[in-house]
Amino acid sequence: MNWTARAVAIAALVFCGLAGWEAARLPAWSAFDGPGPGLVPQILVVLIAVAALGVLVAPGHGEPEGGAESPLRSRGFLGYGGAMLGVALALPHLGFIVSGGLATLLVMRVAEGVAWPAAMFWAVILVGAVTLLFGTALGVPFPPGPAERMLAPLGVLRLG
């Protein structure tokens, strides 16, 4: 397990090097428009590299969670996979707020087994925080969905 984890961490660092090289070519910030197309990739490269370094330092030991069983039999894997696929398909039509909220509900209920009230609470908190951070504070344009069209005239976010 240690060598497998270290090999994955090394592969992640190689990926980060290549992705960081490409992301560095994109502007991270513009004085006129705010965040540029390179901001999120540059942040993600740093976060992935830090995580990979953490795995190199402390790779862990033992069997992976779930043992040798196929990930397709795992509710967690299916919940997260379904949420990612659902967001990819729904985002252009429903916008971020609706598709992100539904994906969070799916992950919390199916993958994590959280009760409905807590799942709804965390969906509202997560989507609200992302909307306020990126839509309001950073001025990132959101894909136009029904909720975004209601919030755009209030100045909470702008449409892309």
C-alpha atoms as a PDB file:
ATOM      1  CA  MET A   1       0.000   0.000   0.000  1.00  0.00           C
ATOM      2  CA  ASN A   2       2.785   2.458   0.826  1.00  0.00           C
ATOM      3  CA  TRP A   3       4.437   2.108  -2.581  1.00  0.00           C
ATOM      4  CA  THR A   4       1.128   2.352  -4.415  1.00  0.00           C
ATOM      5  CA  ALA A   5       0.200   5.519  -2.511  1.00  0.00           C
ATOM      6  CA  ARG A   6       3.627   7.011  -3.143  1.00  0.00           C
ATOM      7  CA  ALA A   7       3.439   6.157  -6.860  1.00  0.00           C
ATOM      8  CA  VAL A   8       0.064   7.889  -7.115  1.00  0.00           C
ATOM      9  CA  ALA A   9       1.442  10.904  -5.222  1.00  0.00           C
ATOM     10  CA  ILE A  10       4.429  11.111  -7.582  1.00  0.00           C
ATOM     11  CA  ALA A  11       2.093  10.875 -10.582  1.00  0.00           C
ATOM     12  CA  ALA A  12      -0.019  13.667  -9.054  1.00  0.00           C
ATOM     13  CA  LEU A  13       3.081  15.840  -8.630  1.00  0.00           C
ATOM     14  CA  VAL A  14       4.041  15.253 -12.276  1.00  0.00           C
ATOM     15  CA  PHE A  15       0.483  16.180 -13.267  1.00  0.00           C
ATOM     16  CA  CYS A  16       0.708  19.304 -11.098  1.00  0.00           C
ATOM     17  CA  GLY A  17       3.950  20.299 -12.769  1.00  0.00           C
ATOM     18  CA  LEU A  18       2.440  20.001 -16.242  1.00  0.00           C
ATOM     19  CA  ALA A  19      -0.881  21.564 -15.268  1.00  0.00           C
ATOM     20  CA  GLY A  20       0.889  24.361 -13.374  1.00  0.00           C
ATOM     21  CA  TRP A  21       3.017  25.115 -16.410  1.00  0.00           C
ATOM     22  CA  GLU A  22      -0.110  25.423 -18.558  1.00  0.00           C
ATOM     23  CA  ALA A  23      -2.095  27.331 -15.911  1.00  0.00           C
ATOM     24  CA  ALA A  24       0.749  29.841 -15.474  1.00  0.00           C
ATOM     25  CA  ARG A  25       0.237  30.902 -19.096  1.00  0.00           C
ATOM     26  CA  LEU A  26      -3.303  32.075 -18.261  1.00  0.00           C
ATOM     27  CA  PRO A  27      -3.917  35.376 -16.469  1.00  0.00           C
ATOM     28  CA  ALA A  28      -4.954  34.825 -12.864  1.00  0.00           C
ATOM     29  CA  TRP A  29      -6.365  38.281 -12.245  1.00  0.00           C
ATOM     30  CA  SER A  30      -7.399  41.329 -14.217  1.00  0.00           C
ATOM     31  CA  ALA A  31      -7.679  44.789 -12.722  1.00  0.00           C
ATOM     32  CA  PHE A  32     -10.810  45.390 -14.790  1.00  0.00           C
ATOM     33  CA  ASP A  33     -12.631  42.045 -14.829  1.00  0.00           C
ATOM     34  CA  GLY A  34     -11.515  40.425 -11.571  1.00  0.00           C
ATOM     35  CA  PRO A  35     -10.538  36.735 -11.605  1.00  0.00           C
ATOM     36  CA  GLY A  36      -9.083  35.482 -14.845  1.00  0.00           C
ATOM     37  CA  PRO A  37      -9.236  32.038 -16.430  1.00  0.00           C
ATOM     38  CA  GLY A  38      -6.008  30.954 -14.724  1.00  0.00           C
ATOM     39  CA  LEU A  39      -7.059  31.598 -11.120  1.00  0.00           C
ATOM     40  CA  VAL A  40      -8.943  28.370 -10.369  1.00  0.00           C
ATOM     41  CA  PRO A  41      -6.467  26.073 -12.197  1.00  0.00           C
ATOM     42  CA  GLN A  42      -3.548  27.692 -10.364  1.00  0.00           C
ATOM     43  CA  ILE A  43      -5.256  27.287  -6.978  1.00  0.00           C
ATOM     44  CA  LEU A  44      -6.171  23.662  -7.742  1.00  0.00           C
ATOM     45  CA  VAL A  45      -2.620  22.818  -8.805  1.00  0.00           C
ATOM     46  CA  VAL A  46      -1.295  24.108  -5.490  1.00  0.00           C
ATOM     47  CA  LEU A  47      -3.928  22.209  -3.476  1.00  0.00           C
ATOM     48  CA  ILE A  48      -3.321  18.939  -5.350  1.00  0.00           C
ATOM     49  CA  ALA A  49       0.451  19.338  -4.965  1.00  0.00           C
ATOM     50  CA  VAL A  50       0.121  19.920  -1.202  1.00  0.00           C
ATOM     51  CA  ALA A  51      -2.087  16.828  -0.887  1.00  0.00           C
ATOM     52  CA  ALA A  52       0.372  14.760  -2.942  1.00  0.00           C
ATOM     53  CA  LEU A  53       3.272  15.909  -0.758  1.00  0.00           C
ATOM     54  CA  GLY A  54       1.235  14.923   2.305  1.00  0.00           C
ATOM     55  CA  VAL A  55       0.760  11.428   0.875  1.00  0.00           C
ATOM     56  CA  LEU A  56       4.503  11.169   0.140  1.00  0.00           C
ATOM     57  CA  VAL A  57       5.320  12.093   3.727  1.00  0.00           C
ATOM     58  CA  ALA A  58       2.630   9.889   5.339  1.00  0.00           C
ATOM     59  CA  PRO A  59       1.317   7.341   2.823  1.00  0.00           C
ATOM     60  CA  GLY A  60      -0.696   5.373   5.370  1.00  0.00           C
ATOM     61  CA  HIS A  61      -0.896   1.613   5.674  1.00  0.00           C
ATOM     62  CA  GLY A  62      -3.445  -1.133   5.430  1.00  0.00           C
ATOM     63  CA  GLU A  63      -6.135  -1.972   2.945  1.00  0.00           C
ATOM     64  CA  PRO A  64      -8.110   0.666   1.119  1.00  0.00           C
ATOM     65  CA  GLU A  65     -11.521   1.449   2.590  1.00  0.00           C
ATOM     66  CA  GLY A  66     -13.930  -1.152   1.220  1.00  0.00           C
ATOM     67  CA  GLY A  67     -11.200  -3.748   0.729  1.00  0.00           C
ATOM     68  CA  ALA A  68     -10.999  -5.571  -2.585  1.00  0.00           C
ATOM     69  CA  GLU A  69     -14.688  -5.050  -3.394  1.00  0.00           C
ATOM     70  CA  SER A  70     -15.507  -3.254  -6.642  1.00  0.00           C
ATOM     71  CA  PRO A  71     -16.129   0.495  -6.245  1.00  0.00           C
ATOM     72  CA  LEU A  72     -19.296   0.053  -8.329  1.00  0.00           C
ATOM     73  CA  ARG A  73     -20.859  -1.703  -5.325  1.00  0.00           C
ATOM     74  CA  SER A  74     -20.172   1.269  -3.071  1.00  0.00           C
ATOM     75  CA  ARG A  75     -23.005   3.702  -2.355  1.00  0.00           C
ATOM     76  CA  GLY A  76     -20.431   6.419  -1.787  1.00  0.00           C
ATOM     77  CA  PHE A  77     -18.772   5.943  -5.170  1.00  0.00           C
ATOM     78  CA  LEU A  78     -22.129   5.799  -6.943  1.00  0.00           C
ATOM     79  CA  GLY A  79     -23.440   8.864  -5.084  1.00  0.00           C
ATOM     80  CA  TYR A  80     -20.423  11.008  -5.902  1.00  0.00           C
ATOM     81  CA  GLY A  81     -20.246   9.698  -9.479  1.00  0.00           C
ATOM     82  CA  GLY A  82     -23.955  10.343 -10.034  1.00  0.00           C
ATOM     83  CA  ALA A  83     -23.645  13.849  -8.603  1.00  0.00           C
ATOM     84  CA  MET A  84     -20.728  14.702 -10.886  1.00  0.00           C
ATOM     85  CA  LEU A  85     -22.492  13.357 -13.961  1.00  0.00           C
ATOM     86  CA  GLY A  86     -25.716  15.116 -12.983  1.00  0.00           C
ATOM     87  CA  VAL A  87     -23.964  18.473 -12.562  1.00  0.00           C
ATOM     88  CA  ALA A  88     -22.208  18.092 -15.912  1.00  0.00           C
ATOM     89  CA  LEU A  89     -25.528  17.412 -17.657  1.00  0.00           C
ATOM     90  CA  ALA A  90     -27.724  19.869 -15.723  1.00  0.00           C
ATOM     91  CA  LEU A  91     -25.427  22.899 -15.346  1.00  0.00           C
ATOM     92  CA  PRO A  92     -25.979  24.370 -18.822  1.00  0.00           C
ATOM     93  CA  HIS A  93     -29.760  24.105 -18.436  1.00  0.00           C
ATOM     94  CA  LEU A  94     -30.456  24.641 -14.725  1.00  0.00           C
ATOM     95  CA  GLY A  95     -27.495  26.835 -13.758  1.00  0.00           C
ATOM     96  CA  PHE A  96     -25.172  26.365 -10.803  1.00  0.00           C
ATOM     97  CA  ILE A  97     -27.538  27.021  -7.913  1.00  0.00           C
ATOM     98  CA  VAL A  98     -30.144  24.377  -8.777  1.00  0.00           C
ATOM     99  CA  SER A  99     -27.727  21.741 -10.114  1.00  0.00           C
ATOM    100  CA  GLY A 100     -25.225  22.322  -7.286  1.00  0.00           C
ATOM    101  CA  GLY A 101     -27.956  22.109  -4.668  1.00  0.00           C
ATOM    102  CA  LEU A 102     -29.348  18.882  -6.123  1.00  0.00           C
ATOM    103  CA  ALA A 103     -25.859  17.367  -6.381  1.00  0.00           C
ATOM    104  CA  THR A 104     -25.117  18.235  -2.760  1.00  0.00           C
ATOM    105  CA  LEU A 105     -28.405  16.662  -1.673  1.00  0.00           C
ATOM    106  CA  LEU A 106     -27.587  13.502  -3.652  1.00  0.00           C
ATOM    107  CA  VAL A 107     -24.111  13.220  -2.161  1.00  0.00           C
ATOM    108  CA  MET A 108     -25.268  13.881   1.383  1.00  0.00           C
ATOM    109  CA  ARG A 109     -28.213  11.441   1.226  1.00  0.00           C
ATOM    110  CA  VAL A 110     -26.848   8.611  -0.932  1.00  0.00           C
ATOM    111  CA  ALA A 111     -23.086   8.723  -0.435  1.00  0.00           C
ATOM    112  CA  GLU A 112     -22.886   9.988   3.138  1.00  0.00           C
ATOM    113  CA  GLY A 113     -26.210   8.743   4.567  1.00  0.00           C
ATOM    114  CA  VAL A 114     -27.119  12.076   6.162  1.00  0.00           C
ATOM    115  CA  ALA A 115     -30.763  12.732   7.149  1.00  0.00           C
ATOM    116  CA  TRP A 116     -32.901  14.974   4.901  1.00  0.00           C
ATOM    117  CA  PRO A 117     -32.911  18.058   7.182  1.00  0.00           C
ATOM    118  CA  ALA A 118     -29.132  18.047   7.553  1.00  0.00           C
ATOM    119  CA  ALA A 119     -28.632  17.352   3.828  1.00  0.00           C
ATOM    120  CA  MET A 120     -30.859  20.304   2.911  1.00  0.00           C
ATOM    121  CA  PHE A 121     -29.092  22.523   5.444  1.00  0.00           C
ATOM    122  CA  TRP A 122     -25.653  21.717   4.020  1.00  0.00           C
ATOM    123  CA  ALA A 123     -26.858  22.075   0.425  1.00  0.00           C
ATOM    124  CA  VAL A 124     -28.108  25.603   1.170  1.00  0.00           C
ATOM    125  CA  ILE A 125     -24.936  26.507   3.090  1.00  0.00           C
ATOM    126  CA  LEU A 126     -22.581  25.166   0.405  1.00  0.00           C
ATOM    127  CA  VAL A 127     -24.384  26.633  -2.594  1.00  0.00           C
ATOM    128  CA  GLY A 128     -24.928  29.922  -0.762  1.00  0.00           C
ATOM    129  CA  ALA A 129     -21.263  30.199   0.215  1.00  0.00           C
ATOM    130  CA  VAL A 130     -20.028  29.394  -3.300  1.00  0.00           C
ATOM    131  CA  THR A 131     -22.506  31.859  -4.817  1.00  0.00           C
ATOM    132  CA  LEU A 132     -21.513  34.637  -2.419  1.00  0.00           C
ATOM    133  CA  LEU A 133     -17.791  33.973  -2.750  1.00  0.00           C
ATOM    134  CA  PHE A 134     -17.571  33.575  -6.502  1.00  0.00           C
ATOM    135  CA  GLY A 135     -20.680  35.418  -7.726  1.00  0.00           C
ATOM    136  CA  THR A 136     -20.681  38.363  -5.346  1.00  0.00           C
ATOM    137  CA  ALA A 137     -17.156  38.828  -3.970  1.00  0.00           C
ATOM    138  CA  LEU A 138     -15.136  37.774  -7.030  1.00  0.00           C
ATOM    139  CA  GLY A 139     -17.671  38.686  -9.723  1.00  0.00           C
ATOM    140  CA  VAL A 140     -17.387  35.381 -11.585  1.00  0.00           C
ATOM    141  CA  PRO A 141     -20.202  35.090 -14.152  1.00  0.00           C
ATOM    142  CA  PHE A 142     -22.568  32.173 -13.502  1.00  0.00           C
ATOM    143  CA  PRO A 143     -24.335  30.093 -16.152  1.00  0.00           C
ATOM    144  CA  PRO A 144     -27.878  31.409 -16.536  1.00  0.00           C
ATOM    145  CA  GLY A 145     -30.383  29.225 -14.737  1.00  0.00           C
ATOM    146  CA  PRO A 146     -33.724  30.058 -13.117  1.00  0.00           C
ATOM    147  CA  ALA A 147     -32.242  30.945  -9.709  1.00  0.00           C
ATOM    148  CA  GLU A 148     -29.401  32.947 -11.268  1.00  0.00           C
ATOM    149  CA  ARG A 149     -31.891  34.945 -13.353  1.00  0.00           C
ATOM    150  CA  MET A 150     -33.747  35.872 -10.151  1.00  0.00           C
ATOM    151  CA  LEU A 151     -30.570  36.891  -8.282  1.00  0.00           C
ATOM    152  CA  ALA A 152     -28.793  38.774 -11.098  1.00  0.00           C
ATOM    153  CA  PRO A 153     -31.030  41.895 -10.930  1.00  0.00           C
ATOM    154  CA  LEU A 154     -30.326  42.080  -7.171  1.00  0.00           C
ATOM    155  CA  GLY A 155     -26.595  42.350  -7.862  1.00  0.00           C
ATOM    156  CA  VAL A 156     -25.762  39.123  -6.043  1.00  0.00           C
ATOM    157  CA  LEU A 157     -24.157  37.644  -9.152  1.00  0.00           C
ATOM    158  CA  ARG A 158     -23.766  38.274 -12.843  1.00  0.00           C
ATOM    159  CA  LEU A 159     -24.735  35.990 -15.671  1.00  0.00           C
ATOM    160  CA  GLY A 160     -22.189  34.545 -18.096  1.00  0.00           C
END
